[in-house]
Protein backbone atom coordinates (compact mmCIF):
# COMPACT_ATOMS: atom_id res chain seq x y z
CA UNK A 1 62.65 -274.50 148.68
CA UNK A 2 64.85 -275.25 151.36
CA UNK A 3 67.20 -273.36 150.79
CA UNK A 4 67.85 -272.61 154.53
CA UNK A 5 66.62 -275.54 156.46
CA UNK A 6 70.72 -275.57 157.96
CA UNK A 7 72.44 -272.33 157.51
CA UNK A 8 73.05 -270.07 160.83
CA UNK A 9 72.59 -266.37 160.95
CA UNK A 10 75.64 -264.45 162.01
CA UNK A 11 73.67 -262.16 165.28
CA UNK A 12 73.75 -258.52 162.67
CA UNK A 13 71.34 -260.84 159.76
CA UNK A 14 69.04 -262.34 162.58
CA UNK A 15 68.74 -258.34 164.41
CA UNK A 16 68.48 -257.38 160.18
CA UNK A 17 65.74 -260.20 160.04
CA UNK A 18 63.93 -259.07 163.15
CA UNK A 19 63.47 -255.66 162.09
CA UNK A 20 62.19 -256.46 158.47
CA UNK A 21 59.73 -258.80 160.56
CA UNK A 22 58.92 -255.66 162.67
CA UNK A 23 58.79 -253.10 160.40
CA UNK A 24 60.44 -253.62 157.85
CA UNK A 25 63.54 -251.58 155.61
CA UNK A 26 63.91 -247.99 156.87
CA UNK A 27 66.43 -246.15 155.57
CA UNK A 28 69.49 -246.90 156.89
CA UNK A 29 68.45 -249.56 159.66
CA UNK A 30 69.84 -252.59 157.57
CA UNK A 31 73.29 -253.02 155.93
CA UNK A 32 73.25 -253.86 151.50
CA UNK A 33 75.33 -256.82 152.95
CA UNK A 34 72.67 -258.03 155.29
CA UNK A 35 69.98 -257.37 153.01
CA UNK A 36 71.35 -258.73 149.77
CA UNK A 37 72.33 -262.12 151.88
CA UNK A 38 68.94 -262.16 153.54
CA UNK A 39 67.59 -262.07 150.05
CA UNK A 40 70.42 -264.93 148.77
CA UNK A 41 69.19 -266.93 151.17
CA UNK A 42 65.74 -266.83 150.33
CA UNK A 43 64.31 -265.10 153.54
CA UNK A 44 63.80 -262.08 152.17
CA UNK A 45 62.06 -260.82 149.17
CA UNK A 46 61.52 -257.49 147.28
CA UNK A 47 57.64 -256.06 147.58
CA UNK A 48 56.83 -253.30 145.52
CA UNK A 49 59.37 -250.53 146.98
CA UNK A 50 60.56 -252.81 150.53
CA UNK A 51 61.75 -255.71 151.19
CA UNK A 52 59.20 -258.67 153.41
CA UNK A 53 59.58 -261.95 154.89
CA UNK A 54 58.77 -265.16 152.57
CA UNK A 55 57.87 -267.93 154.13
CA UNK A 56 61.20 -269.58 154.69
CA UNK A 57 61.68 -265.71 157.23
CA UNK A 58 58.98 -266.40 158.44
CA UNK A 59 60.12 -270.14 159.66
CA UNK A 60 63.55 -268.96 160.56
CA UNK A 61 62.44 -266.29 162.34
CA UNK A 62 60.07 -269.12 164.59
CA UNK A 63 63.53 -270.44 164.86
CA UNK A 64 64.95 -267.26 166.25
CA UNK A 65 62.67 -266.81 168.91
CA UNK A 66 61.96 -270.94 170.23
CA UNK A 67 66.00 -270.92 169.76
């Protein structure tokens, strides 16, 4: 599944992905729209009561860190 190979995140989505990577989703820290788009792109997944990064999400974080 290579859905995010060419996807560019807007700054708000990138910050949401970083927030999820660091601490997960807390009420009010990530908008529902951003969370839905990240999920649609296959970058995050539901893990019980929280959201976590998928393998593609981890790759996107690495790409964001390295510019």
